[in-house]
PDB file of all heavy atoms in Angstrom:
ATOM      1  N   ILE A   1     177.739  99.874  86.625  1.00  0.00           N
ATOM      2  CA  ILE A   1     177.280  98.543  86.107  1.00  0.00           C
ATOM      3  C   ILE A   1     178.516  97.823  85.524  1.00  0.00           C
ATOM      4  O   ILE A   1     178.732  96.654  85.709  1.00  0.00           O
ATOM      5  CB  ILE A   1     176.060  98.706  85.196  1.00  0.00           C
ATOM      6  CG1 ILE A   1     174.790  99.061  85.948  1.00  0.00           C
ATOM      7  CG2 ILE A   1     175.804  97.352  84.474  1.00  0.00           C
ATOM      8  CD1 ILE A   1     173.665  99.319  85.117  1.00  0.00           C
ATOM      9  N   VAL A   2     179.288  98.541  84.666  1.00  0.00           N
ATOM     10  CA  VAL A   2     180.340  97.980  83.974  1.00  0.00           C
ATOM     11  C   VAL A   2     181.340  97.598  84.905  1.00  0.00           C
ATOM     12  O   VAL A   2     181.934  96.382  84.812  1.00  0.00           O
ATOM     13  CB  VAL A   2     181.007  99.015  82.985  1.00  0.00           C
ATOM     14  CG1 VAL A   2     182.243  98.477  82.371  1.00  0.00           C
ATOM     15  CG2 VAL A   2     180.050  99.292  81.795  1.00  0.00           C
ATOM     16  N   ILE A   3     181.684  98.379  85.838  1.00  0.00           N
ATOM     17  CA  ILE A   3     182.663  97.984  86.846  1.00  0.00           C
ATOM     18  C   ILE A   3     182.238  96.855  87.703  1.00  0.00           C
ATOM     19  O   ILE A   3     183.089  95.835  87.971  1.00  0.00           O
ATOM     20  CB  ILE A   3     182.943  99.212  87.832  1.00  0.00           C
ATOM     21  CG1 ILE A   3     183.648 100.336  86.999  1.00  0.00           C
ATOM     22  CG2 ILE A   3     183.818  98.913  88.970  1.00  0.00           C
ATOM     23  CD1 ILE A   3     183.809 101.653  87.691  1.00  0.00           C
ATOM     24  N   MET A   4     180.981  96.790  88.119  1.00  0.00           N
ATOM     25  CA  MET A   4     180.462  95.751  88.989  1.00  0.00           C
ATOM     26  C   MET A   4     180.557  94.387  88.242  1.00  0.00           C
ATOM     27  O   MET A   4     180.759  93.269  88.789  1.00  0.00           O
ATOM     28  CB  MET A   4     179.078  96.058  89.409  1.00  0.00           C
ATOM     29  CG  MET A   4     179.095  97.248  90.472  1.00  0.00           C
ATOM     30  SD  MET A   4     180.120  96.951  91.939  1.00  0.00           S
ATOM     31  CE  MET A   4     180.153  98.605  92.594  1.00  0.00           C
ATOM     32  N   VAL A   5     180.152  94.369  86.917  1.00  0.00           N
ATOM     33  CA  VAL A   5     180.106  93.154  86.153  1.00  0.00           C
ATOM     34  C   VAL A   5     181.597  92.621  86.032  1.00  0.00           C
ATOM     35  O   VAL A   5     181.732  91.335  86.243  1.00  0.00           O
ATOM     36  CB  VAL A   5     179.507  93.520  84.771  1.00  0.00           C
ATOM     37  CG1 VAL A   5     179.911  92.195  83.892  1.00  0.00           C
ATOM     38  CG2 VAL A   5     178.127  93.682  84.807  1.00  0.00           C
ATOM     39  N   ILE A   6     182.552  93.452  85.875  1.00  0.00           N
ATOM     40  CA  ILE A   6     183.942  93.030  85.738  1.00  0.00           C
ATOM     41  C   ILE A   6     184.454  92.396  87.095  1.00  0.00           C
ATOM     42  O   ILE A   6     184.995  91.425  87.180  1.00  0.00           O
ATOM     43  CB  ILE A   6     184.801  94.120  85.309  1.00  0.00           C
ATOM     44  CG1 ILE A   6     184.395  94.576  83.886  1.00  0.00           C
ATOM     45  CG2 ILE A   6     186.258  93.680  85.363  1.00  0.00           C
ATOM     46  CD1 ILE A   6     185.088  95.924  83.476  1.00  0.00           C
ATOM     47  N   TYR A   7     184.147  93.136  88.134  1.00  0.00           N
ATOM     48  CA  TYR A   7     184.529  92.715  89.486  1.00  0.00           C
ATOM     49  C   TYR A   7     183.787  91.369  89.962  1.00  0.00           C
ATOM     50  O   TYR A   7     184.321  90.583  90.576  1.00  0.00           O
ATOM     51  CB  TYR A   7     184.342  93.758  90.571  1.00  0.00           C
ATOM     52  CG  TYR A   7     185.593  94.687  90.641  1.00  0.00           C
ATOM     53  CD1 TYR A   7     185.385  96.130  90.781  1.00  0.00           C
ATOM     54  CD2 TYR A   7     186.920  94.176  90.570  1.00  0.00           C
ATOM     55  CE1 TYR A   7     186.434  96.946  90.823  1.00  0.00           C
ATOM     56  CE2 TYR A   7     187.884  95.092  90.647  1.00  0.00           C
ATOM     57  CZ  TYR A   7     187.746  96.521  90.733  1.00  0.00           C
ATOM     58  OH  TYR A   7     188.791  97.235  90.780  1.00  0.00           O
ATOM     59  N   THR A   8     182.563  91.322  89.571  1.00  0.00           N
ATOM     60  CA  THR A   8     181.847  89.942  89.803  1.00  0.00           C
ATOM     61  C   THR A   8     182.527  88.874  89.175  1.00  0.00           C
ATOM     62  O   THR A   8     182.737  87.749  89.800  1.00  0.00           O
ATOM     63  CB  THR A   8     180.402  90.114  89.270  1.00  0.00           C
ATOM     64  OG1 THR A   8     179.704  91.170  89.951  1.00  0.00           O
ATOM     65  CG2 THR A   8     179.640  88.887  89.537  1.00  0.00           C
ATOM     66  N   THR A   9     182.911  89.039  87.906  1.00  0.00           N
ATOM     67  CA  THR A   9     183.585  88.025  87.208  1.00  0.00           C
ATOM     68  C   THR A   9     184.994  87.619  87.863  1.00  0.00           C
ATOM     69  O   THR A   9     185.342  86.525  88.005  1.00  0.00           O
ATOM     70  CB  THR A   9     183.876  88.337  85.759  1.00  0.00           C
ATOM     71  OG1 THR A   9     182.657  88.775  85.126  1.00  0.00           O
ATOM     72  CG2 THR A   9     184.485  87.324  84.936  1.00  0.00           C
ATOM     73  N   ILE A  10     185.717  88.724  88.192  1.00  0.00           N
ATOM     74  CA  ILE A  10     187.023  88.508  88.758  1.00  0.00           C
ATOM     75  C   ILE A  10     186.943  87.727  90.175  1.00  0.00           C
ATOM     76  O   ILE A  10     187.730  86.723  90.349  1.00  0.00           O
ATOM     77  CB  ILE A  10     187.762  89.880  88.958  1.00  0.00           C
ATOM     78  CG1 ILE A  10     188.240  90.474  87.571  1.00  0.00           C
ATOM     79  CG2 ILE A  10     188.985  89.812  89.914  1.00  0.00           C
ATOM     80  CD1 ILE A  10     188.755  91.898  87.763  1.00  0.00           C
ATOM     81  N   PHE A  11     186.051  88.196  90.931  1.00  0.00           N
ATOM     82  CA  PHE A  11     185.965  87.532  92.288  1.00  0.00           C
ATOM     83  C   PHE A  11     185.278  86.215  92.178  1.00  0.00           C
ATOM     84  O   PHE A  11     185.587  85.356  93.077  1.00  0.00           O
ATOM     85  CB  PHE A  11     185.125  88.406  93.239  1.00  0.00           C
ATOM     86  CG  PHE A  11     185.996  89.672  93.670  1.00  0.00           C
ATOM     87  CD1 PHE A  11     185.499  90.843  93.373  1.00  0.00           C
ATOM     88  CD2 PHE A  11     187.160  89.504  94.331  1.00  0.00           C
ATOM     89  CE1 PHE A  11     186.229  92.068  93.866  1.00  0.00           C
ATOM     90  CE2 PHE A  11     187.971  90.616  94.672  1.00  0.00           C
ATOM     91  CZ  PHE A  11     187.464  91.838  94.408  1.00  0.00           C
ATOM     92  N   TYR A  12     184.527  85.906  91.232  1.00  0.00           N
ATOM     93  CA  TYR A  12     184.017  84.505  91.082  1.00  0.00           C
ATOM     94  C   TYR A  12     185.076  83.611  90.615  1.00  0.00           C
ATOM     95  O   TYR A  12     185.187  82.528  91.186  1.00  0.00           O
ATOM     96  CB  TYR A  12     182.878  84.642  90.115  1.00  0.00           C
ATOM     97  CG  TYR A  12     182.349  83.193  89.647  1.00  0.00           C
ATOM     98  CD1 TYR A  12     181.617  82.456  90.495  1.00  0.00           C
ATOM     99  CD2 TYR A  12     182.694  82.661  88.479  1.00  0.00           C
ATOM    100  CE1 TYR A  12     181.063  81.209  90.260  1.00  0.00           C
ATOM    101  CE2 TYR A  12     182.293  81.388  88.120  1.00  0.00           C
ATOM    102  CZ  TYR A  12     181.427  80.698  88.981  1.00  0.00           C
ATOM    103  OH  TYR A  12     181.083  79.326  88.702  1.00  0.00           O
ATOM    104  N   LEU A  13     185.894  84.014  89.676  1.00  0.00           N
ATOM    105  CA  LEU A  13     186.969  83.236  89.178  1.00  0.00           C
ATOM    106  C   LEU A  13     188.083  83.059  90.318  1.00  0.00           C
ATOM    107  O   LEU A  13     188.666  81.991  90.247  1.00  0.00           O
ATOM    108  CB  LEU A  13     187.731  83.843  87.905  1.00  0.00           C
ATOM    109  CG  LEU A  13     186.807  83.875  86.613  1.00  0.00           C
ATOM    110  CD1 LEU A  13     187.418  84.587  85.543  1.00  0.00           C
ATOM    111  CD2 LEU A  13     186.298  82.482  86.232  1.00  0.00           C
ATOM    112  N   SER A  14     188.172  83.992  91.082  1.00  0.00           N
ATOM    113  CA  SER A  14     189.224  83.811  92.208  1.00  0.00           C
ATOM    114  C   SER A  14     188.603  83.148  93.411  1.00  0.00           C
ATOM    115  O   SER A  14     189.282  83.150  94.446  1.00  0.00           O
ATOM    116  CB  SER A  14     189.872  85.173  92.460  1.00  0.00           C
ATOM    117  OG  SER A  14     188.799  86.122  92.894  1.00  0.00           O
ATOM    118  N   GLN A  15     187.314  82.775  93.383  1.00  0.00           N
ATOM    119  CA  GLN A  15     186.647  82.220  94.444  1.00  0.00           C
ATOM    120  C   GLN A  15     186.474  83.044  95.715  1.00  0.00           C
ATOM    121  O   GLN A  15     186.424  82.519  96.892  1.00  0.00           O
ATOM    122  CB  GLN A  15     187.296  80.842  94.787  1.00  0.00           C
ATOM    123  CG  GLN A  15     187.339  79.825  93.650  1.00  0.00           C
ATOM    124  CD  GLN A  15     188.009  78.505  94.081  1.00  0.00           C
ATOM    125  OE1 GLN A  15     188.380  78.342  95.133  1.00  0.00           O
ATOM    126  NE2 GLN A  15     188.083  77.598  92.957  1.00  0.00           N
ATOM    127  N   GLU A  16     186.459  84.294  95.503  1.00  0.00           N
ATOM    128  CA  GLU A  16     186.135  85.292  96.582  1.00  0.00           C
ATOM    129  C   GLU A  16     184.549  85.627  96.531  1.00  0.00           C
ATOM    130  O   GLU A  16     184.248  86.648  96.019  1.00  0.00           O
ATOM    131  CB  GLU A  16     187.030  86.539  96.550  1.00  0.00           C
ATOM    132  CG  GLU A  16     188.530  86.263  96.771  1.00  0.00           C
ATOM    133  CD  GLU A  16     188.837  86.086  98.254  1.00  0.00           C
ATOM    134  OE1 GLU A  16     187.861  86.396  99.028  1.00  0.00           O
ATOM    135  OE2 GLU A  16     189.886  85.740  98.659  1.00  0.00           O
ATOM    136  N   TYR A  17     183.823  84.645  96.923  1.00  0.00           N
ATOM    137  CA  TYR A  17     182.406  84.712  96.658  1.00  0.00           C
ATOM    138  C   TYR A  17     181.721  85.866  97.481  1.00  0.00           C
ATOM    139  O   TYR A  17     180.713  86.429  96.984  1.00  0.00           O
ATOM    140  CB  TYR A  17     181.808  83.365  96.932  1.00  0.00           C
ATOM    141  CG  TYR A  17     182.197  82.224  96.106  1.00  0.00           C
ATOM    142  CD1 TYR A  17     182.717  81.037  96.750  1.00  0.00           C
ATOM    143  CD2 TYR A  17     182.321  82.456  94.743  1.00  0.00           C
ATOM    144  CE1 TYR A  17     183.149  80.025  95.906  1.00  0.00           C
ATOM    145  CE2 TYR A  17     182.836  81.360  93.851  1.00  0.00           C
ATOM    146  CZ  TYR A  17     183.234  80.195  94.539  1.00  0.00           C
ATOM    147  OH  TYR A  17     183.691  79.142  93.707  1.00  0.00           O
ATOM    148  N   PHE A  18     182.153  86.204  98.726  1.00  0.00           N
ATOM    149  CA  PHE A  18     181.617  87.338  99.377  1.00  0.00           C
ATOM    150  C   PHE A  18     181.664  88.606  98.665  1.00  0.00           C
ATOM    151  O   PHE A  18     180.675  89.367  98.549  1.00  0.00           O
ATOM    152  CB  PHE A  18     182.326  87.406 100.740  1.00  0.00           C
ATOM    153  CG  PHE A  18     181.917  88.519 101.550  1.00  0.00           C
ATOM    154  CD1 PHE A  18     180.679  88.494 102.302  1.00  0.00           C
ATOM    155  CD2 PHE A  18     182.694  89.788 101.606  1.00  0.00           C
ATOM    156  CE1 PHE A  18     180.255  89.644 102.950  1.00  0.00           C
ATOM    157  CE2 PHE A  18     182.291  90.887 102.375  1.00  0.00           C
ATOM    158  CZ  PHE A  18     181.042  90.790 103.062  1.00  0.00           C
ATOM    159  N   PHE A  19     182.720  88.863  98.008  1.00  0.00           N
ATOM    160  CA  PHE A  19     182.908  90.176  97.289  1.00  0.00           C
ATOM    161  C   PHE A  19     182.260  90.084  95.922  1.00  0.00           C
ATOM    162  O   PHE A  19     181.754  91.111  95.453  1.00  0.00           O
ATOM    163  CB  PHE A  19     184.358  90.446  97.077  1.00  0.00           C
ATOM    164  CG  PHE A  19     185.114  90.682  98.328  1.00  0.00           C
ATOM    165  CD1 PHE A  19     185.841  89.700  99.038  1.00  0.00           C
ATOM    166  CD2 PHE A  19     185.027  91.963  98.981  1.00  0.00           C
ATOM    167  CE1 PHE A  19     186.462  89.994 100.216  1.00  0.00           C
ATOM    168  CE2 PHE A  19     185.709  92.232 100.186  1.00  0.00           C
ATOM    169  CZ  PHE A  19     186.420  91.240 100.825  1.00  0.00           C
ATOM    170  N   ALA A  20     182.066  88.920  95.312  1.00  0.00           N
ATOM    171  CA  ALA A  20     181.304  88.738  94.176  1.00  0.00           C
ATOM    172  C   ALA A  20     179.832  89.124  94.377  1.00  0.00           C
ATOM    173  O   ALA A  20     179.236  89.704  93.628  1.00  0.00           O
ATOM    174  CB  ALA A  20     181.451  87.345  93.576  1.00  0.00           C
ATOM    175  N   LEU A  21     179.296  88.574  95.513  1.00  0.00           N
ATOM    176  CA  LEU A  21     177.938  88.875  95.824  1.00  0.00           C
ATOM    177  C   LEU A  21     177.659  90.175  96.202  1.00  0.00           C
ATOM    178  O   LEU A  21     176.516  90.781  95.901  1.00  0.00           O
ATOM    179  CB  LEU A  21     177.588  87.850  97.049  1.00  0.00           C
ATOM    180  CG  LEU A  21     177.536  86.525  96.781  1.00  0.00           C
ATOM    181  CD1 LEU A  21     177.308  85.677  98.077  1.00  0.00           C
ATOM    182  CD2 LEU A  21     176.335  86.154  95.850  1.00  0.00           C
ATOM    183  N   ILE A  22     178.675  90.930  96.745  1.00  0.00           N
ATOM    184  CA  ILE A  22     178.506  92.386  97.038  1.00  0.00           C
ATOM    185  C   ILE A  22     178.468  93.147  95.646  1.00  0.00           C
ATOM    186  O   ILE A  22     177.554  94.053  95.519  1.00  0.00           O
ATOM    187  CB  ILE A  22     179.774  92.976  97.838  1.00  0.00           C
ATOM    188  CG1 ILE A  22     179.607  92.480  99.298  1.00  0.00           C
ATOM    189  CG2 ILE A  22     179.771  94.453  97.847  1.00  0.00           C
ATOM    190  CD1 ILE A  22     180.778  93.011 100.189  1.00  0.00           C
ATOM    191  N   ALA A  23     179.256  92.751  94.854  1.00  0.00           N
ATOM    192  CA  ALA A  23     179.207  93.367  93.441  1.00  0.00           C
ATOM    193  C   ALA A  23     177.842  93.093  92.699  1.00  0.00           C
ATOM    194  O   ALA A  23     177.308  93.968  92.046  1.00  0.00           O
ATOM    195  CB  ALA A  23     180.374  92.835  92.585  1.00  0.00           C
ATOM    196  N   ILE A  24     177.402  91.927  92.850  1.00  0.00           N
ATOM    197  CA  ILE A  24     176.086  91.492  92.292  1.00  0.00           C
ATOM    198  C   ILE A  24     174.866  92.290  92.938  1.00  0.00           C
ATOM    199  O   ILE A  24     174.060  92.874  92.196  1.00  0.00           O
ATOM    200  CB  ILE A  24     175.750  90.058  92.442  1.00  0.00           C
ATOM    201  CG1 ILE A  24     176.684  89.166  91.558  1.00  0.00           C
ATOM    202  CG2 ILE A  24     174.339  89.669  92.183  1.00  0.00           C
ATOM    203  CD1 ILE A  24     176.659  87.710  91.870  1.00  0.00           C
ATOM    204  N   THR A  25     174.918  92.570  94.234  1.00  0.00           N
ATOM    205  CA  THR A  25     174.034  93.422  94.804  1.00  0.00           C
ATOM    206  C   THR A  25     174.002  94.800  94.406  1.00  0.00           C
ATOM    207  O   THR A  25     172.942  95.367  94.115  1.00  0.00           O
ATOM    208  CB  THR A  25     174.238  93.416  96.406  1.00  0.00           C
ATOM    209  OG1 THR A  25     174.201  92.084  96.973  1.00  0.00           O
ATOM    210  CG2 THR A  25     173.216  94.271  97.101  1.00  0.00           C
TER     211      THR A  25
END
């Protein structure tokens, strides 16, 4: 969960929304 929250933030800020959504899933 910790890792996924961090990667969700990183990919959202870098506008890589596909990977942000994978992390959210």
